[in-house]
């Protein structure tokens, strides 16, 4: 967890690598639906080939958490995890109020906070180094919200976090990366990015039907 810090100090706080963030989560994932977006899409695809992985990486930036909420409400017996970016989260902060009000007990929302729009060239997000996402989530009514900038503390806390009744909010301070923009070409190395978003929706619906 972190205290209120100035933007200057915040920029020098410890950070996790993308792998330190996603690898412990992938190791603990069972049958949850994973909704990933933007710079996390390919990174998650390198760790998981599960049929319940869903890449929300098209033009509707800022709505991955709302899609995850819809899945969580429609599938209350199944865990849903959203891997969101900080730039995407800023585009739809009001959705945090909706998520908290809906009280989806099976939803965990992660926000990768690297303070940049990574896939478009690492431009600073508004409020870079000053925005306190986990405090915003608490103010919106989330019963549980956490922030991590230490890899060991994050991994040691993850088992407990995944057992909490949600909605749960977790922001993780990451090093800026260099992931290119996602695409939907058949030559894409990440399998769940091949085909259109509609194709992905159909695949996810079929996978959920088969697991019911």
N, C-alpha and C. Protein backbone atom coordinates (compact mmCIF):
# COMPACT_ATOMS: atom_id res chain seq x y z
N UNK A 1 0.85 -1.18 0.00
CA UNK A 1 0.00 0.00 0.00
C UNK A 1 0.89 1.25 0.00
N UNK A 2 0.37 2.38 -0.39
CA UNK A 2 1.22 3.56 -0.38
C UNK A 2 0.47 4.74 0.24
N UNK A 3 1.23 5.62 0.82
CA UNK A 3 0.67 6.82 1.40
C UNK A 3 0.49 7.87 0.31
N UNK A 4 -0.17 8.99 0.68
CA UNK A 4 -0.30 10.08 -0.27
C UNK A 4 1.08 10.69 -0.52
N UNK A 5 1.49 10.72 -1.78
CA UNK A 5 2.82 11.18 -2.12
C UNK A 5 2.73 12.28 -3.16
N UNK A 6 3.69 13.15 -3.17
CA UNK A 6 3.74 14.15 -4.23
C UNK A 6 4.07 13.46 -5.54
N UNK A 7 3.76 14.13 -6.65
CA UNK A 7 4.03 13.52 -7.95
C UNK A 7 5.53 13.28 -8.14
N UNK A 8 6.36 14.16 -7.60
CA UNK A 8 7.80 13.99 -7.76
C UNK A 8 8.27 12.73 -7.05
N UNK A 9 7.81 12.55 -5.81
CA UNK A 9 8.19 11.36 -5.06
C UNK A 9 7.60 10.11 -5.69
N UNK A 10 6.35 10.21 -6.12
CA UNK A 10 5.65 9.07 -6.68
C UNK A 10 6.39 8.50 -7.89
N UNK A 11 6.99 9.36 -8.68
CA UNK A 11 7.68 8.91 -9.88
C UNK A 11 8.88 8.04 -9.56
N UNK A 12 9.37 8.09 -8.33
CA UNK A 12 10.55 7.32 -7.95
C UNK A 12 10.21 6.17 -7.01
N UNK A 13 8.94 5.88 -6.84
CA UNK A 13 8.58 4.74 -6.01
C UNK A 13 8.95 3.45 -6.73
N UNK A 14 9.12 2.35 -5.99
CA UNK A 14 9.42 1.06 -6.65
C UNK A 14 8.32 0.67 -7.63
N UNK A 15 8.66 -0.14 -8.60
CA UNK A 15 7.70 -0.56 -9.61
C UNK A 15 7.88 -2.04 -9.91
N UNK A 16 6.79 -2.67 -10.35
CA UNK A 16 6.85 -4.04 -10.83
C UNK A 16 7.07 -4.04 -12.33
N UNK A 17 7.68 -5.10 -12.82
CA UNK A 17 7.67 -5.32 -14.26
C UNK A 17 6.32 -5.91 -14.64
N UNK A 18 6.02 -5.87 -15.92
CA UNK A 18 4.77 -6.46 -16.40
C UNK A 18 4.72 -7.95 -16.05
N UNK A 19 5.85 -8.63 -16.18
CA UNK A 19 5.89 -10.07 -15.86
C UNK A 19 5.65 -10.31 -14.37
N UNK A 20 6.23 -9.47 -13.52
CA UNK A 20 6.01 -9.62 -12.08
C UNK A 20 4.56 -9.40 -11.70
N UNK A 21 3.86 -8.62 -12.47
CA UNK A 21 2.44 -8.39 -12.25
C UNK A 21 1.59 -9.58 -12.71
N UNK A 22 1.83 -10.03 -13.94
CA UNK A 22 0.92 -11.00 -14.55
C UNK A 22 1.26 -12.46 -14.23
N UNK A 23 2.52 -12.78 -14.07
CA UNK A 23 2.89 -14.18 -13.87
C UNK A 23 2.30 -14.79 -12.60
N UNK A 24 2.35 -14.11 -11.44
CA UNK A 24 1.71 -14.70 -10.26
C UNK A 24 0.20 -14.87 -10.41
N UNK A 25 -0.42 -13.97 -11.15
CA UNK A 25 -1.85 -14.08 -11.40
C UNK A 25 -2.16 -15.28 -12.30
N UNK A 26 -1.36 -15.45 -13.35
CA UNK A 26 -1.55 -16.58 -14.24
C UNK A 26 -1.38 -17.90 -13.51
N UNK A 27 -0.45 -17.95 -12.57
CA UNK A 27 -0.20 -19.18 -11.81
C UNK A 27 -1.36 -19.55 -10.90
N UNK A 28 -2.16 -18.56 -10.51
CA UNK A 28 -3.28 -18.78 -9.58
C UNK A 28 -4.63 -18.86 -10.30
N UNK A 29 -4.65 -18.57 -11.56
CA UNK A 29 -5.89 -18.56 -12.33
C UNK A 29 -6.42 -19.98 -12.48
N UNK A 30 -7.72 -20.15 -12.26
CA UNK A 30 -8.34 -21.46 -12.44
C UNK A 30 -9.35 -21.37 -13.59
N UNK A 31 -10.65 -21.13 -13.25
CA UNK A 31 -11.67 -21.08 -14.30
C UNK A 31 -12.28 -19.70 -14.44
N UNK A 32 -11.58 -18.67 -14.01
CA UNK A 32 -12.11 -17.31 -14.13
C UNK A 32 -12.05 -16.84 -15.59
N UNK A 33 -13.01 -16.01 -15.97
CA UNK A 33 -12.93 -15.28 -17.22
C UNK A 33 -11.93 -14.14 -17.03
N UNK A 34 -11.01 -14.00 -17.96
CA UNK A 34 -10.03 -12.90 -17.91
C UNK A 34 -10.31 -11.95 -19.07
N UNK A 35 -10.65 -10.72 -18.77
CA UNK A 35 -10.85 -9.68 -19.78
C UNK A 35 -9.63 -8.77 -19.74
N UNK A 36 -8.87 -8.75 -20.82
CA UNK A 36 -7.66 -7.92 -20.86
C UNK A 36 -7.81 -6.85 -21.92
N UNK A 37 -7.03 -5.78 -21.79
CA UNK A 37 -7.13 -4.70 -22.76
C UNK A 37 -5.78 -4.03 -22.98
N UNK A 38 -5.66 -3.39 -24.13
CA UNK A 38 -4.53 -2.55 -24.51
C UNK A 38 -3.18 -3.25 -24.30
N UNK A 39 -2.25 -2.66 -23.54
CA UNK A 39 -0.90 -3.19 -23.46
C UNK A 39 -0.82 -4.53 -22.75
N UNK A 40 -1.88 -4.92 -22.03
CA UNK A 40 -1.86 -6.18 -21.30
C UNK A 40 -2.31 -7.37 -22.14
N UNK A 41 -2.87 -7.11 -23.32
CA UNK A 41 -3.44 -8.18 -24.13
C UNK A 41 -2.37 -9.19 -24.55
N UNK A 42 -1.31 -8.71 -25.19
CA UNK A 42 -0.28 -9.64 -25.64
C UNK A 42 0.50 -10.22 -24.46
N UNK A 43 0.75 -9.41 -23.45
CA UNK A 43 1.48 -9.89 -22.28
C UNK A 43 0.74 -11.04 -21.62
N UNK A 44 -0.58 -10.91 -21.48
CA UNK A 44 -1.36 -12.01 -20.89
C UNK A 44 -1.37 -13.21 -21.84
N UNK A 45 -1.48 -12.96 -23.14
CA UNK A 45 -1.48 -14.05 -24.11
C UNK A 45 -0.19 -14.84 -24.14
N UNK A 46 0.90 -14.25 -23.72
CA UNK A 46 2.16 -15.00 -23.64
C UNK A 46 2.17 -15.96 -22.46
N UNK A 47 1.30 -15.72 -21.48
CA UNK A 47 1.26 -16.55 -20.27
C UNK A 47 0.10 -17.54 -20.25
N UNK A 48 -0.94 -17.27 -21.03
CA UNK A 48 -2.15 -18.08 -20.95
C UNK A 48 -2.73 -18.31 -22.33
N UNK A 49 -3.23 -19.52 -22.54
CA UNK A 49 -3.95 -19.87 -23.77
C UNK A 49 -5.32 -20.45 -23.41
N UNK A 50 -5.88 -19.99 -22.30
CA UNK A 50 -7.15 -20.52 -21.79
C UNK A 50 -8.29 -20.06 -22.68
N UNK A 51 -9.30 -20.92 -22.85
CA UNK A 51 -10.43 -20.57 -23.71
C UNK A 51 -11.31 -19.48 -23.11
N UNK A 52 -11.13 -19.18 -21.82
CA UNK A 52 -11.90 -18.11 -21.18
C UNK A 52 -11.12 -16.79 -21.11
N UNK A 53 -10.06 -16.68 -21.88
CA UNK A 53 -9.37 -15.40 -22.05
C UNK A 53 -10.09 -14.59 -23.12
N UNK A 54 -10.28 -13.30 -22.85
CA UNK A 54 -10.99 -12.45 -23.80
C UNK A 54 -10.23 -11.14 -23.97
N UNK A 55 -9.83 -10.86 -25.20
CA UNK A 55 -9.08 -9.64 -25.50
C UNK A 55 -10.04 -8.54 -25.93
N UNK A 56 -10.20 -7.54 -25.06
CA UNK A 56 -11.02 -6.38 -25.41
C UNK A 56 -10.07 -5.28 -25.83
N UNK A 57 -9.66 -5.34 -27.10
CA UNK A 57 -8.57 -4.48 -27.56
C UNK A 57 -8.91 -3.83 -28.88
N UNK A 58 -10.07 -3.23 -28.95
CA UNK A 58 -10.49 -2.58 -30.18
C UNK A 58 -10.72 -1.10 -29.92
N UNK A 59 -11.57 -0.46 -30.68
CA UNK A 59 -11.66 0.99 -30.64
C UNK A 59 -12.37 1.54 -29.41
N UNK A 60 -13.11 0.71 -28.70
CA UNK A 60 -13.89 1.19 -27.56
C UNK A 60 -13.03 1.23 -26.29
N UNK A 61 -11.97 2.02 -26.35
CA UNK A 61 -11.06 2.12 -25.21
C UNK A 61 -11.78 2.70 -24.01
N UNK A 62 -11.56 2.10 -22.85
CA UNK A 62 -12.15 2.60 -21.62
C UNK A 62 -13.35 1.82 -21.13
N UNK A 63 -13.71 0.72 -21.83
CA UNK A 63 -14.93 0.01 -21.45
C UNK A 63 -14.69 -1.45 -21.07
N UNK A 64 -13.44 -1.87 -20.93
CA UNK A 64 -13.18 -3.27 -20.58
C UNK A 64 -13.79 -3.62 -19.23
N UNK A 65 -13.70 -2.69 -18.26
CA UNK A 65 -14.24 -2.99 -16.93
C UNK A 65 -15.76 -3.10 -16.95
N UNK A 66 -16.42 -2.37 -17.85
CA UNK A 66 -17.87 -2.47 -17.96
C UNK A 66 -18.28 -3.80 -18.58
N UNK A 67 -17.52 -4.25 -19.58
CA UNK A 67 -17.77 -5.58 -20.14
C UNK A 67 -17.56 -6.65 -19.08
N UNK A 68 -16.49 -6.53 -18.31
CA UNK A 68 -16.23 -7.51 -17.25
C UNK A 68 -17.36 -7.53 -16.23
N UNK A 69 -17.89 -6.35 -15.91
CA UNK A 69 -19.02 -6.29 -14.98
C UNK A 69 -20.22 -7.04 -15.57
N UNK A 70 -20.51 -6.82 -16.85
CA UNK A 70 -21.63 -7.51 -17.47
C UNK A 70 -21.48 -9.01 -17.42
N UNK A 71 -20.27 -9.52 -17.68
CA UNK A 71 -20.03 -10.95 -17.61
C UNK A 71 -20.20 -11.45 -16.18
N UNK A 72 -19.69 -10.69 -15.22
CA UNK A 72 -19.80 -11.09 -13.81
C UNK A 72 -21.25 -11.18 -13.36
N UNK A 73 -22.08 -10.23 -13.81
CA UNK A 73 -23.50 -10.25 -13.44
C UNK A 73 -24.23 -11.40 -14.13
N UNK A 74 -23.83 -11.71 -15.37
CA UNK A 74 -24.48 -12.79 -16.11
C UNK A 74 -24.01 -14.18 -15.67
N UNK A 75 -22.80 -14.23 -15.07
CA UNK A 75 -22.21 -15.50 -14.64
C UNK A 75 -21.83 -15.41 -13.16
N UNK A 76 -22.81 -15.26 -12.27
CA UNK A 76 -22.49 -15.01 -10.86
C UNK A 76 -21.76 -16.17 -10.17
N UNK A 77 -21.80 -17.36 -10.78
CA UNK A 77 -21.13 -18.52 -10.20
C UNK A 77 -19.66 -18.59 -10.58
N UNK A 78 -19.21 -17.68 -11.44
CA UNK A 78 -17.85 -17.75 -11.97
C UNK A 78 -17.08 -16.46 -11.68
N UNK A 79 -15.81 -16.60 -11.34
CA UNK A 79 -14.99 -15.43 -11.13
C UNK A 79 -14.67 -14.73 -12.43
N UNK A 80 -14.58 -13.41 -12.38
CA UNK A 80 -14.23 -12.59 -13.54
C UNK A 80 -13.13 -11.63 -13.11
N UNK A 81 -12.08 -11.57 -13.91
CA UNK A 81 -10.94 -10.69 -13.64
C UNK A 81 -10.74 -9.78 -14.83
N UNK A 82 -10.66 -8.49 -14.58
CA UNK A 82 -10.40 -7.51 -15.63
C UNK A 82 -8.99 -6.97 -15.46
N UNK A 83 -8.20 -7.02 -16.54
CA UNK A 83 -6.85 -6.47 -16.56
C UNK A 83 -6.89 -5.18 -17.36
N UNK A 84 -7.00 -4.08 -16.67
CA UNK A 84 -7.23 -2.78 -17.30
C UNK A 84 -5.97 -1.93 -17.24
N UNK A 85 -5.90 -0.92 -18.07
CA UNK A 85 -4.81 0.04 -18.03
C UNK A 85 -5.24 1.33 -17.36
N UNK A 86 -4.27 2.11 -16.92
CA UNK A 86 -4.61 3.36 -16.22
C UNK A 86 -5.20 4.39 -17.18
N UNK A 87 -4.69 4.46 -18.42
CA UNK A 87 -5.28 5.38 -19.40
C UNK A 87 -6.71 5.00 -19.72
N UNK A 88 -6.97 3.71 -19.87
CA UNK A 88 -8.33 3.24 -20.13
C UNK A 88 -9.23 3.52 -18.94
N UNK A 89 -8.71 3.32 -17.74
CA UNK A 89 -9.51 3.55 -16.54
C UNK A 89 -9.92 5.01 -16.42
N UNK A 90 -9.01 5.92 -16.76
CA UNK A 90 -9.33 7.34 -16.69
C UNK A 90 -10.45 7.73 -17.64
N UNK A 91 -10.57 7.00 -18.75
CA UNK A 91 -11.60 7.34 -19.74
C UNK A 91 -13.01 7.01 -19.27
N UNK A 92 -13.13 6.23 -18.20
CA UNK A 92 -14.47 5.83 -17.73
C UNK A 92 -14.48 5.65 -16.23
N UNK A 93 -14.02 6.66 -15.49
CA UNK A 93 -13.98 6.55 -14.03
C UNK A 93 -15.37 6.34 -13.43
N UNK A 94 -16.40 6.88 -14.09
CA UNK A 94 -17.75 6.72 -13.56
C UNK A 94 -18.19 5.28 -13.47
N UNK A 95 -17.57 4.40 -14.27
CA UNK A 95 -17.94 2.98 -14.20
C UNK A 95 -17.60 2.38 -12.85
N UNK A 96 -16.65 2.97 -12.13
CA UNK A 96 -16.32 2.45 -10.78
C UNK A 96 -17.51 2.58 -9.85
N UNK A 97 -18.27 3.65 -9.98
CA UNK A 97 -19.46 3.81 -9.16
C UNK A 97 -20.49 2.73 -9.51
N UNK A 98 -20.67 2.48 -10.80
CA UNK A 98 -21.62 1.46 -11.23
C UNK A 98 -21.21 0.08 -10.74
N UNK A 99 -19.93 -0.24 -10.87
CA UNK A 99 -19.44 -1.54 -10.40
C UNK A 99 -19.66 -1.70 -8.91
N UNK A 100 -19.33 -0.66 -8.14
CA UNK A 100 -19.52 -0.74 -6.69
C UNK A 100 -20.99 -0.89 -6.34
N UNK A 101 -21.87 -0.16 -7.03
CA UNK A 101 -23.29 -0.23 -6.73
C UNK A 101 -23.88 -1.60 -7.07
N UNK A 102 -23.37 -2.22 -8.15
CA UNK A 102 -23.89 -3.54 -8.55
C UNK A 102 -23.42 -4.66 -7.62
N UNK A 103 -22.40 -4.41 -6.84
CA UNK A 103 -21.92 -5.37 -5.84
C UNK A 103 -21.66 -6.76 -6.44
N UNK A 104 -20.95 -6.77 -7.55
CA UNK A 104 -20.60 -8.05 -8.17
C UNK A 104 -19.53 -8.73 -7.33
N UNK A 105 -19.93 -9.72 -6.55
CA UNK A 105 -19.01 -10.36 -5.61
C UNK A 105 -17.92 -11.17 -6.30
N UNK A 106 -18.11 -11.47 -7.58
CA UNK A 106 -17.18 -12.33 -8.32
C UNK A 106 -16.25 -11.55 -9.24
N UNK A 107 -16.12 -10.25 -9.05
CA UNK A 107 -15.34 -9.41 -9.95
C UNK A 107 -14.12 -8.80 -9.25
N UNK A 108 -12.95 -8.97 -9.89
CA UNK A 108 -11.73 -8.29 -9.45
C UNK A 108 -11.24 -7.43 -10.61
N UNK A 109 -11.02 -6.16 -10.35
CA UNK A 109 -10.56 -5.21 -11.36
C UNK A 109 -9.13 -4.79 -11.04
N UNK A 110 -8.21 -5.17 -11.91
CA UNK A 110 -6.82 -4.75 -11.79
C UNK A 110 -6.57 -3.57 -12.73
N UNK A 111 -5.83 -2.59 -12.26
CA UNK A 111 -5.41 -1.48 -13.10
C UNK A 111 -3.89 -1.43 -13.10
N UNK A 112 -3.30 -1.61 -14.29
CA UNK A 112 -1.85 -1.52 -14.45
C UNK A 112 -1.48 -0.05 -14.58
N UNK A 113 -0.83 0.48 -13.57
CA UNK A 113 -0.56 1.91 -13.52
C UNK A 113 0.90 2.17 -13.89
N UNK A 114 1.12 2.42 -15.19
CA UNK A 114 2.47 2.82 -15.63
C UNK A 114 2.52 4.29 -16.01
N UNK A 115 1.39 5.00 -15.80
CA UNK A 115 1.29 6.46 -16.00
C UNK A 115 1.46 6.89 -17.46
N UNK A 116 1.31 5.95 -18.40
CA UNK A 116 1.45 6.30 -19.81
C UNK A 116 0.39 5.60 -20.65
N UNK A 117 0.15 6.17 -21.84
CA UNK A 117 -0.59 5.46 -22.89
C UNK A 117 0.44 4.63 -23.66
N UNK A 118 0.68 3.42 -23.18
CA UNK A 118 1.84 2.66 -23.66
C UNK A 118 1.78 2.33 -25.14
N UNK A 119 0.64 1.83 -25.63
CA UNK A 119 0.61 1.31 -26.99
C UNK A 119 0.60 2.41 -28.06
N UNK A 120 0.43 3.66 -27.65
CA UNK A 120 0.48 4.75 -28.63
C UNK A 120 1.75 5.59 -28.50
N UNK A 121 2.71 5.12 -27.70
CA UNK A 121 3.99 5.82 -27.64
C UNK A 121 4.41 6.32 -26.28
N UNK A 122 3.72 5.85 -25.22
CA UNK A 122 4.09 6.21 -23.85
C UNK A 122 3.95 7.69 -23.54
N UNK A 123 2.91 8.32 -24.11
CA UNK A 123 2.58 9.67 -23.68
C UNK A 123 2.02 9.61 -22.25
N UNK A 124 2.31 10.64 -21.44
CA UNK A 124 1.81 10.66 -20.08
C UNK A 124 0.28 10.71 -20.05
N UNK A 125 -0.30 9.93 -19.16
CA UNK A 125 -1.74 10.07 -18.92
C UNK A 125 -1.99 11.36 -18.14
N UNK A 126 -3.20 11.92 -18.18
CA UNK A 126 -3.51 13.06 -17.31
C UNK A 126 -3.31 12.68 -15.84
N UNK A 127 -2.68 13.55 -15.10
CA UNK A 127 -2.45 13.28 -13.68
C UNK A 127 -1.39 12.24 -13.41
N UNK A 128 -0.52 11.99 -14.38
CA UNK A 128 0.53 10.98 -14.20
C UNK A 128 1.34 11.26 -12.95
N UNK A 129 1.46 10.25 -12.11
CA UNK A 129 2.22 10.40 -10.88
C UNK A 129 1.45 10.98 -9.72
N UNK A 130 0.22 11.41 -9.95
CA UNK A 130 -0.57 12.02 -8.88
C UNK A 130 -1.89 11.30 -8.62
N UNK A 131 -2.43 10.64 -9.64
CA UNK A 131 -3.73 9.98 -9.49
C UNK A 131 -3.62 8.78 -8.55
N UNK A 132 -4.51 8.72 -7.59
CA UNK A 132 -4.53 7.63 -6.62
C UNK A 132 -5.76 6.77 -6.90
N UNK A 133 -5.59 5.79 -7.77
CA UNK A 133 -6.74 5.01 -8.24
C UNK A 133 -7.41 4.22 -7.13
N UNK A 134 -6.62 3.66 -6.23
CA UNK A 134 -7.26 2.81 -5.22
C UNK A 134 -8.06 3.65 -4.23
N UNK A 135 -7.66 4.88 -3.98
CA UNK A 135 -8.46 5.77 -3.13
C UNK A 135 -9.73 6.19 -3.86
N UNK A 136 -9.64 6.38 -5.16
CA UNK A 136 -10.84 6.70 -5.95
C UNK A 136 -11.82 5.55 -5.86
N UNK A 137 -11.32 4.31 -6.00
CA UNK A 137 -12.20 3.14 -5.93
C UNK A 137 -12.89 3.05 -4.57
N UNK A 138 -12.16 3.30 -3.50
CA UNK A 138 -12.77 3.29 -2.17
C UNK A 138 -13.84 4.36 -2.06
N UNK A 139 -13.55 5.54 -2.59
CA UNK A 139 -14.53 6.64 -2.53
C UNK A 139 -15.77 6.32 -3.36
N UNK A 140 -15.62 5.48 -4.38
CA UNK A 140 -16.76 5.09 -5.22
C UNK A 140 -17.60 3.99 -4.57
N UNK A 141 -17.11 3.41 -3.49
CA UNK A 141 -17.89 2.40 -2.79
C UNK A 141 -17.36 0.99 -2.86
N UNK A 142 -16.19 0.78 -3.45
CA UNK A 142 -15.61 -0.57 -3.46
C UNK A 142 -15.33 -1.00 -2.01
N UNK A 143 -15.73 -2.22 -1.64
CA UNK A 143 -15.45 -2.68 -0.27
C UNK A 143 -13.98 -3.01 -0.03
N UNK A 144 -13.25 -3.30 -1.10
CA UNK A 144 -11.83 -3.63 -0.98
C UNK A 144 -11.07 -2.96 -2.11
N UNK A 145 -9.99 -2.28 -1.78
CA UNK A 145 -9.14 -1.66 -2.79
C UNK A 145 -7.71 -1.65 -2.29
N UNK A 146 -6.78 -1.94 -3.18
CA UNK A 146 -5.37 -2.09 -2.82
C UNK A 146 -4.49 -1.41 -3.86
N UNK A 147 -3.29 -1.05 -3.43
CA UNK A 147 -2.26 -0.57 -4.36
C UNK A 147 -0.95 -1.24 -3.99
N UNK A 148 -0.20 -1.68 -5.03
CA UNK A 148 1.09 -2.32 -4.80
C UNK A 148 2.14 -1.71 -5.71
N UNK A 149 3.32 -1.51 -5.14
CA UNK A 149 4.47 -1.13 -5.95
C UNK A 149 5.68 -2.03 -5.65
N UNK A 150 5.45 -3.08 -4.87
CA UNK A 150 6.49 -4.02 -4.50
C UNK A 150 6.08 -5.42 -4.95
N UNK A 151 6.93 -6.09 -5.72
CA UNK A 151 6.57 -7.38 -6.31
C UNK A 151 6.31 -8.44 -5.25
N UNK A 152 7.13 -8.48 -4.21
CA UNK A 152 6.95 -9.52 -3.19
C UNK A 152 5.67 -9.30 -2.40
N UNK A 153 5.41 -8.05 -2.03
CA UNK A 153 4.19 -7.76 -1.29
C UNK A 153 2.95 -8.10 -2.13
N UNK A 154 3.02 -7.77 -3.40
CA UNK A 154 1.91 -8.08 -4.30
C UNK A 154 1.67 -9.59 -4.37
N UNK A 155 2.70 -10.36 -4.64
CA UNK A 155 2.52 -11.80 -4.77
C UNK A 155 2.07 -12.44 -3.47
N UNK A 156 2.59 -11.96 -2.35
CA UNK A 156 2.20 -12.52 -1.05
C UNK A 156 0.76 -12.19 -0.69
N UNK A 157 0.22 -11.15 -1.27
CA UNK A 157 -1.16 -10.74 -0.96
C UNK A 157 -2.19 -11.32 -1.93
N UNK A 158 -1.71 -11.87 -3.03
CA UNK A 158 -2.62 -12.22 -4.13
C UNK A 158 -3.60 -13.33 -3.77
N UNK A 159 -3.15 -14.34 -3.04
CA UNK A 159 -4.06 -15.43 -2.66
C UNK A 159 -5.24 -14.90 -1.85
N UNK A 160 -4.95 -14.05 -0.89
CA UNK A 160 -6.01 -13.48 -0.05
C UNK A 160 -6.94 -12.61 -0.88
N UNK A 161 -6.39 -11.81 -1.75
CA UNK A 161 -7.21 -10.92 -2.58
C UNK A 161 -8.18 -11.73 -3.44
N UNK A 162 -7.71 -12.83 -4.00
CA UNK A 162 -8.55 -13.62 -4.89
C UNK A 162 -9.64 -14.38 -4.16
N UNK A 163 -9.55 -14.43 -2.84
CA UNK A 163 -10.59 -15.08 -2.04
C UNK A 163 -11.63 -14.09 -1.50
N UNK A 164 -11.39 -12.80 -1.66
CA UNK A 164 -12.31 -11.80 -1.12
C UNK A 164 -13.60 -11.75 -1.92
N UNK A 165 -14.69 -11.39 -1.24
CA UNK A 165 -15.93 -11.12 -1.94
C UNK A 165 -15.85 -9.72 -2.53
N UNK A 166 -16.10 -9.63 -3.81
CA UNK A 166 -15.94 -8.37 -4.50
C UNK A 166 -17.16 -7.47 -4.43
N UNK A 167 -17.08 -6.41 -5.23
CA UNK A 167 -16.00 -6.15 -6.17
C UNK A 167 -14.70 -5.74 -5.47
N UNK A 168 -13.59 -6.15 -6.05
CA UNK A 168 -12.27 -5.84 -5.51
C UNK A 168 -11.50 -5.02 -6.55
N UNK A 169 -10.80 -4.00 -6.09
CA UNK A 169 -10.01 -3.14 -6.96
C UNK A 169 -8.55 -3.24 -6.56
N UNK A 170 -7.67 -3.43 -7.54
CA UNK A 170 -6.23 -3.52 -7.28
C UNK A 170 -5.49 -2.69 -8.32
N UNK A 171 -4.76 -1.66 -7.89
CA UNK A 171 -3.86 -0.95 -8.80
C UNK A 171 -2.44 -1.41 -8.52
N UNK A 172 -1.67 -1.57 -9.60
CA UNK A 172 -0.31 -2.07 -9.50
C UNK A 172 0.60 -1.13 -10.27
N UNK A 173 1.60 -0.60 -9.63
CA UNK A 173 2.53 0.35 -10.26
C UNK A 173 3.53 -0.42 -11.11
N UNK A 174 3.50 -0.18 -12.41
CA UNK A 174 4.34 -0.90 -13.35
C UNK A 174 5.36 0.01 -14.01
N UNK A 175 6.47 -0.61 -14.42
CA UNK A 175 7.41 0.09 -15.28
C UNK A 175 6.77 0.32 -16.65
N UNK A 176 7.01 1.46 -17.27
CA UNK A 176 6.54 1.65 -18.65
C UNK A 176 7.15 0.60 -19.57
N UNK A 177 6.34 0.12 -20.50
CA UNK A 177 6.81 -0.89 -21.44
C UNK A 177 6.81 -0.37 -22.87
N UNK A 178 6.81 -1.29 -23.80
CA UNK A 178 6.85 -0.91 -25.22
C UNK A 178 6.00 -1.86 -26.05
N UNK A 179 4.83 -2.24 -25.54
CA UNK A 179 3.93 -3.10 -26.31
C UNK A 179 3.36 -2.33 -27.49
N UNK A 180 3.36 -2.91 -28.68
CA UNK A 180 2.77 -2.23 -29.84
C UNK A 180 1.25 -2.29 -29.78
N UNK A 181 0.57 -1.52 -30.61
CA UNK A 181 -0.90 -1.56 -30.60
C UNK A 181 -1.41 -2.94 -30.98
N UNK A 182 -2.45 -3.43 -30.30
CA UNK A 182 -3.03 -4.73 -30.67
C UNK A 182 -3.67 -4.64 -32.06
N UNK A 183 -3.72 -5.78 -32.72
CA UNK A 183 -4.43 -5.85 -33.99
C UNK A 183 -5.21 -7.16 -34.05
N UNK A 184 -6.00 -7.31 -35.10
CA UNK A 184 -6.86 -8.50 -35.23
C UNK A 184 -6.49 -9.31 -36.48
N UNK A 185 -5.24 -9.26 -36.91
CA UNK A 185 -4.84 -9.97 -38.11
C UNK A 185 -4.62 -11.46 -37.82
N UNK A 186 -4.80 -12.27 -38.84
CA UNK A 186 -4.59 -13.71 -38.69
C UNK A 186 -3.12 -14.04 -38.45
N UNK A 187 -2.22 -13.12 -38.77
CA UNK A 187 -0.80 -13.33 -38.53
C UNK A 187 -0.40 -12.98 -37.10
N UNK A 188 -1.33 -12.49 -36.31
CA UNK A 188 -1.05 -12.10 -34.93
C UNK A 188 -0.50 -13.29 -34.13
N UNK A 189 0.58 -13.05 -33.38
CA UNK A 189 1.19 -14.12 -32.58
C UNK A 189 0.31 -14.54 -31.41
N UNK A 190 -0.52 -13.64 -30.93
CA UNK A 190 -1.38 -13.93 -29.78
C UNK A 190 -2.69 -14.51 -30.26
N UNK A 191 -2.95 -15.81 -30.03
CA UNK A 191 -4.10 -16.47 -30.66
C UNK A 191 -5.44 -15.79 -30.40
N UNK A 192 -5.66 -15.30 -29.17
CA UNK A 192 -7.00 -14.77 -28.90
C UNK A 192 -7.22 -13.36 -29.46
N UNK A 193 -6.23 -12.86 -30.19
CA UNK A 193 -6.40 -11.60 -30.92
C UNK A 193 -6.72 -11.82 -32.40
N UNK A 194 -6.67 -13.07 -32.85
CA UNK A 194 -6.94 -13.34 -34.26
C UNK A 194 -8.44 -13.28 -34.52
N UNK A 195 -8.84 -12.65 -35.60
CA UNK A 195 -10.25 -12.51 -35.90
C UNK A 195 -10.81 -11.24 -35.28
N UNK A 196 -12.07 -10.97 -35.56
CA UNK A 196 -12.72 -9.74 -35.11
C UNK A 196 -13.13 -9.83 -33.65
N UNK A 197 -13.51 -8.70 -33.10
CA UNK A 197 -14.05 -8.69 -31.74
C UNK A 197 -15.31 -9.55 -31.67
N UNK A 198 -16.14 -9.50 -32.72
CA UNK A 198 -17.34 -10.34 -32.74
C UNK A 198 -16.98 -11.82 -32.69
N UNK A 199 -15.91 -12.20 -33.40
CA UNK A 199 -15.45 -13.60 -33.35
C UNK A 199 -15.05 -13.98 -31.92
N UNK A 200 -14.37 -13.06 -31.25
CA UNK A 200 -13.95 -13.31 -29.87
C UNK A 200 -15.15 -13.49 -28.96
N UNK A 201 -16.17 -12.69 -29.16
CA UNK A 201 -17.38 -12.80 -28.36
C UNK A 201 -18.02 -14.17 -28.55
N UNK A 202 -18.12 -14.61 -29.78
CA UNK A 202 -18.72 -15.92 -30.06
C UNK A 202 -17.90 -17.04 -29.43
N UNK A 203 -16.58 -16.94 -29.49
CA UNK A 203 -15.73 -17.96 -28.88
C UNK A 203 -15.93 -18.01 -27.37
N UNK A 204 -16.00 -16.83 -26.74
CA UNK A 204 -16.18 -16.79 -25.30
C UNK A 204 -17.55 -17.35 -24.90
N UNK A 205 -18.60 -16.99 -25.64
CA UNK A 205 -19.94 -17.52 -25.35
C UNK A 205 -19.96 -19.03 -25.46
N UNK A 206 -19.31 -19.58 -26.47
CA UNK A 206 -19.28 -21.02 -26.65
C UNK A 206 -18.49 -21.69 -25.52
N UNK A 207 -17.39 -21.07 -25.12
CA UNK A 207 -16.59 -21.63 -24.02
C UNK A 207 -17.38 -21.63 -22.72
N UNK A 208 -18.11 -20.56 -22.45
CA UNK A 208 -18.91 -20.48 -21.23
C UNK A 208 -20.03 -21.52 -21.28
N UNK A 209 -20.61 -21.70 -22.45
CA UNK A 209 -21.67 -22.69 -22.61
C UNK A 209 -21.14 -24.10 -22.35
N UNK A 210 -19.94 -24.38 -22.84
CA UNK A 210 -19.35 -25.70 -22.67
C UNK A 210 -18.97 -25.99 -21.23
N UNK A 211 -18.64 -24.91 -20.48
CA UNK A 211 -18.22 -25.08 -19.09
C UNK A 211 -19.38 -25.03 -18.11
N UNK A 212 -20.57 -24.72 -18.59
CA UNK A 212 -21.73 -24.59 -17.72
C UNK A 212 -22.10 -25.94 -17.11
